[in-house]
Amino acid sequence: MQEILLSIPFGLFIAVLLAASLYWWGGRISAKGRPSDAKIASYACGEELPAEKLQVNLQRFFVYAVYFMIFDILAFMLATSLASPGRLPAAYALVLFLAIAMLLPLVRQK
């Protein structure tokens, strides 16, 4: 009997039974009623807002994506080159910082 109680299928069955009973019990004791039209509106307080078109600056997004890639590559190269101290990690960092310096004028443009 102990082998059956400790088996994986029996434990799964008990877990599913417990979850179903909690779901059923929660549905029985939850508050009932219909939501008002204002509550199911797109804006919860019921205030009407004008629709606005979202303008995304793709050039700025691209610059930030390139920054992320540069710092990601820098972190990876420095983490993997710590076993060989000397000029190699410094050269990696110098090349990547030069790439960042070339991108700085693009960020300052609006």
C-alpha atoms as a PDB file:
ATOM      1  CA  MET A   1       0.000   0.000   0.000  1.00  0.00           C
ATOM      2  CA  GLN A   2       2.874   2.359   0.790  1.00  0.00           C
ATOM      3  CA  GLU A   3       4.316   1.861  -2.705  1.00  0.00           C
ATOM      4  CA  ILE A   4       1.036   2.977  -4.278  1.00  0.00           C
ATOM      5  CA  LEU A   5       0.801   6.089  -2.077  1.00  0.00           C
ATOM      6  CA  LEU A   6       4.371   7.107  -2.929  1.00  0.00           C
ATOM      7  CA  SER A   7       4.101   6.468  -6.674  1.00  0.00           C
ATOM      8  CA  ILE A   8       4.301   9.334  -9.163  1.00  0.00           C
ATOM      9  CA  PRO A   9       0.934   8.679 -10.896  1.00  0.00           C
ATOM     10  CA  PHE A  10      -0.881   8.649  -7.558  1.00  0.00           C
ATOM     11  CA  GLY A  11       0.815  11.905  -6.525  1.00  0.00           C
ATOM     12  CA  LEU A  12      -0.139  13.487  -9.849  1.00  0.00           C
ATOM     13  CA  PHE A  13      -3.736  12.327  -9.424  1.00  0.00           C
ATOM     14  CA  ILE A  14      -3.913  13.816  -5.923  1.00  0.00           C
ATOM     15  CA  ALA A  15      -2.404  17.111  -7.143  1.00  0.00           C
ATOM     16  CA  VAL A  16      -4.905  17.394 -10.013  1.00  0.00           C
ATOM     17  CA  LEU A  17      -7.776  16.491  -7.690  1.00  0.00           C
ATOM     18  CA  LEU A  18      -6.662  19.120  -5.163  1.00  0.00           C
ATOM     19  CA  ALA A  19      -6.297  21.798  -7.874  1.00  0.00           C
ATOM     20  CA  ALA A  20      -9.730  21.008  -9.324  1.00  0.00           C
ATOM     21  CA  SER A  21     -11.366  21.127  -5.913  1.00  0.00           C
ATOM     22  CA  LEU A  22      -9.733  24.481  -5.100  1.00  0.00           C
ATOM     23  CA  TYR A  23     -10.889  25.862  -8.459  1.00  0.00           C
ATOM     24  CA  TRP A  24     -14.447  24.624  -7.880  1.00  0.00           C
ATOM     25  CA  TRP A  25     -14.522  25.907  -4.299  1.00  0.00           C
ATOM     26  CA  GLY A  26     -13.176  29.320  -5.365  1.00  0.00           C
ATOM     27  CA  GLY A  27     -15.892  29.582  -8.005  1.00  0.00           C
ATOM     28  CA  ARG A  28     -18.552  28.815  -5.414  1.00  0.00           C
ATOM     29  CA  ILE A  29     -17.448  31.429  -2.865  1.00  0.00           C
ATOM     30  CA  SER A  30     -16.476  34.210  -5.299  1.00  0.00           C
ATOM     31  CA  ALA A  31     -18.556  37.345  -5.651  1.00  0.00           C
ATOM     32  CA  LYS A  32     -21.257  37.130  -8.270  1.00  0.00           C
ATOM     33  CA  GLY A  33     -22.592  39.891 -10.447  1.00  0.00           C
ATOM     34  CA  ARG A  34     -22.282  41.544 -13.810  1.00  0.00           C
ATOM     35  CA  PRO A  35     -19.570  44.149 -14.388  1.00  0.00           C
ATOM     36  CA  SER A  36     -20.838  47.574 -15.350  1.00  0.00           C
ATOM     37  CA  ASP A  37     -20.241  48.915 -18.839  1.00  0.00           C
ATOM     38  CA  ALA A  38     -17.789  51.473 -17.478  1.00  0.00           C
ATOM     39  CA  LYS A  39     -15.687  48.788 -15.847  1.00  0.00           C
ATOM     40  CA  ILE A  40     -15.272  46.749 -19.020  1.00  0.00           C
ATOM     41  CA  ALA A  41     -14.487  49.803 -21.145  1.00  0.00           C
ATOM     42  CA  SER A  42     -11.004  50.147 -22.578  1.00  0.00           C
ATOM     43  CA  TYR A  43     -10.139  52.754 -19.963  1.00  0.00           C
ATOM     44  CA  ALA A  44     -11.243  51.526 -16.538  1.00  0.00           C
ATOM     45  CA  CYS A  45     -12.615  54.760 -15.093  1.00  0.00           C
ATOM     46  CA  GLY A  46     -14.925  55.247 -18.065  1.00  0.00           C
ATOM     47  CA  GLU A  47     -13.302  58.429 -19.363  1.00  0.00           C
ATOM     48  CA  GLU A  48     -13.156  58.640 -23.142  1.00  0.00           C
ATOM     49  CA  LEU A  49      -9.650  59.176 -24.461  1.00  0.00           C
ATOM     50  CA  PRO A  50      -8.859  60.170 -28.031  1.00  0.00           C
ATOM     51  CA  ALA A  51      -7.012  57.550 -30.039  1.00  0.00           C
ATOM     52  CA  GLU A  52      -3.425  58.506 -30.735  1.00  0.00           C
ATOM     53  CA  LYS A  53      -1.042  56.905 -33.152  1.00  0.00           C
ATOM     54  CA  LEU A  54       2.177  55.777 -31.515  1.00  0.00           C
ATOM     55  CA  GLN A  55       5.209  57.105 -33.322  1.00  0.00           C
ATOM     56  CA  VAL A  56       8.349  55.052 -32.852  1.00  0.00           C
ATOM     57  CA  ASN A  57      11.704  56.532 -33.750  1.00  0.00           C
ATOM     58  CA  LEU A  58      13.344  53.571 -35.448  1.00  0.00           C
ATOM     59  CA  GLN A  59      16.712  55.268 -35.874  1.00  0.00           C
ATOM     60  CA  ARG A  60      16.974  55.825 -32.118  1.00  0.00           C
ATOM     61  CA  PHE A  61      15.830  52.275 -31.460  1.00  0.00           C
ATOM     62  CA  PHE A  62      18.511  50.982 -33.825  1.00  0.00           C
ATOM     63  CA  VAL A  63      21.218  52.990 -32.054  1.00  0.00           C
ATOM     64  CA  TYR A  64      20.188  51.611 -28.662  1.00  0.00           C
ATOM     65  CA  ALA A  65      20.088  48.089 -30.086  1.00  0.00           C
ATOM     66  CA  VAL A  66      23.622  48.525 -31.401  1.00  0.00           C
ATOM     67  CA  TYR A  67      24.720  49.846 -27.989  1.00  0.00           C
ATOM     68  CA  PHE A  68      23.250  46.772 -26.352  1.00  0.00           C
ATOM     69  CA  MET A  69      25.095  44.501 -28.787  1.00  0.00           C
ATOM     70  CA  ILE A  70      28.361  46.339 -28.218  1.00  0.00           C
ATOM     71  CA  PHE A  71      28.170  46.056 -24.440  1.00  0.00           C
ATOM     72  CA  ASP A  72      27.027  42.449 -24.674  1.00  0.00           C
ATOM     73  CA  ILE A  73      29.991  41.551 -26.883  1.00  0.00           C
ATOM     74  CA  LEU A  74      32.353  43.507 -24.617  1.00  0.00           C
ATOM     75  CA  ALA A  75      31.148  41.645 -21.540  1.00  0.00           C
ATOM     76  CA  PHE A  76      31.473  38.287 -23.287  1.00  0.00           C
ATOM     77  CA  MET A  77      34.954  39.010 -24.618  1.00  0.00           C
ATOM     78  CA  LEU A  78      36.233  40.309 -21.316  1.00  0.00           C
ATOM     79  CA  ALA A  79      34.750  37.361 -19.433  1.00  0.00           C
ATOM     80  CA  THR A  80      36.312  34.825 -21.773  1.00  0.00           C
ATOM     81  CA  SER A  81      39.669  36.582 -22.054  1.00  0.00           C
ATOM     82  CA  LEU A  82      40.385  36.844 -18.336  1.00  0.00           C
ATOM     83  CA  ALA A  83      42.389  33.642 -18.585  1.00  0.00           C
ATOM     84  CA  SER A  84      44.906  35.416 -20.827  1.00  0.00           C
ATOM     85  CA  PRO A  85      45.831  38.665 -19.103  1.00  0.00           C
ATOM     86  CA  GLY A  86      47.722  41.266 -21.033  1.00  0.00           C
ATOM     87  CA  ARG A  87      47.082  43.119 -24.230  1.00  0.00           C
ATOM     88  CA  LEU A  88      44.265  41.019 -25.706  1.00  0.00           C
ATOM     89  CA  PRO A  89      41.453  42.080 -23.305  1.00  0.00           C
ATOM     90  CA  ALA A  90      42.615  45.684 -23.524  1.00  0.00           C
ATOM     91  CA  ALA A  91      42.561  45.504 -27.334  1.00  0.00           C
ATOM     92  CA  TYR A  92      39.011  44.102 -27.294  1.00  0.00           C
ATOM     93  CA  ALA A  93      37.878  46.859 -24.977  1.00  0.00           C
ATOM     94  CA  LEU A  94      39.595  49.553 -27.054  1.00  0.00           C
ATOM     95  CA  VAL A  95      37.951  48.407 -30.292  1.00  0.00           C
ATOM     96  CA  LEU A  96      34.524  48.309 -28.679  1.00  0.00           C
ATOM     97  CA  PHE A  97      34.917  51.708 -27.038  1.00  0.00           C
ATOM     98  CA  LEU A  98      35.890  53.152 -30.428  1.00  0.00           C
ATOM     99  CA  ALA A  99      32.667  51.695 -31.828  1.00  0.00           C
ATOM    100  CA  ILE A 100      30.748  53.413 -29.027  1.00  0.00           C
ATOM    101  CA  ALA A 101      32.514  56.702 -29.750  1.00  0.00           C
ATOM    102  CA  MET A 102      31.453  56.473 -33.395  1.00  0.00           C
ATOM    103  CA  LEU A 103      27.803  56.038 -32.356  1.00  0.00           C
ATOM    104  CA  LEU A 104      27.691  58.982 -29.945  1.00  0.00           C
ATOM    105  CA  PRO A 105      26.871  61.598 -32.644  1.00  0.00           C
ATOM    106  CA  LEU A 106      23.862  59.518 -33.723  1.00  0.00           C
ATOM    107  CA  VAL A 107      22.361  59.575 -30.224  1.00  0.00           C
ATOM    108  CA  ARG A 108      22.704  63.332 -29.888  1.00  0.00           C
ATOM    109  CA  GLN A 109      20.658  63.923 -33.061  1.00  0.00           C
ATOM    110  CA  LYS A 110      16.933  64.394 -32.553  1.00  0.00           C
END
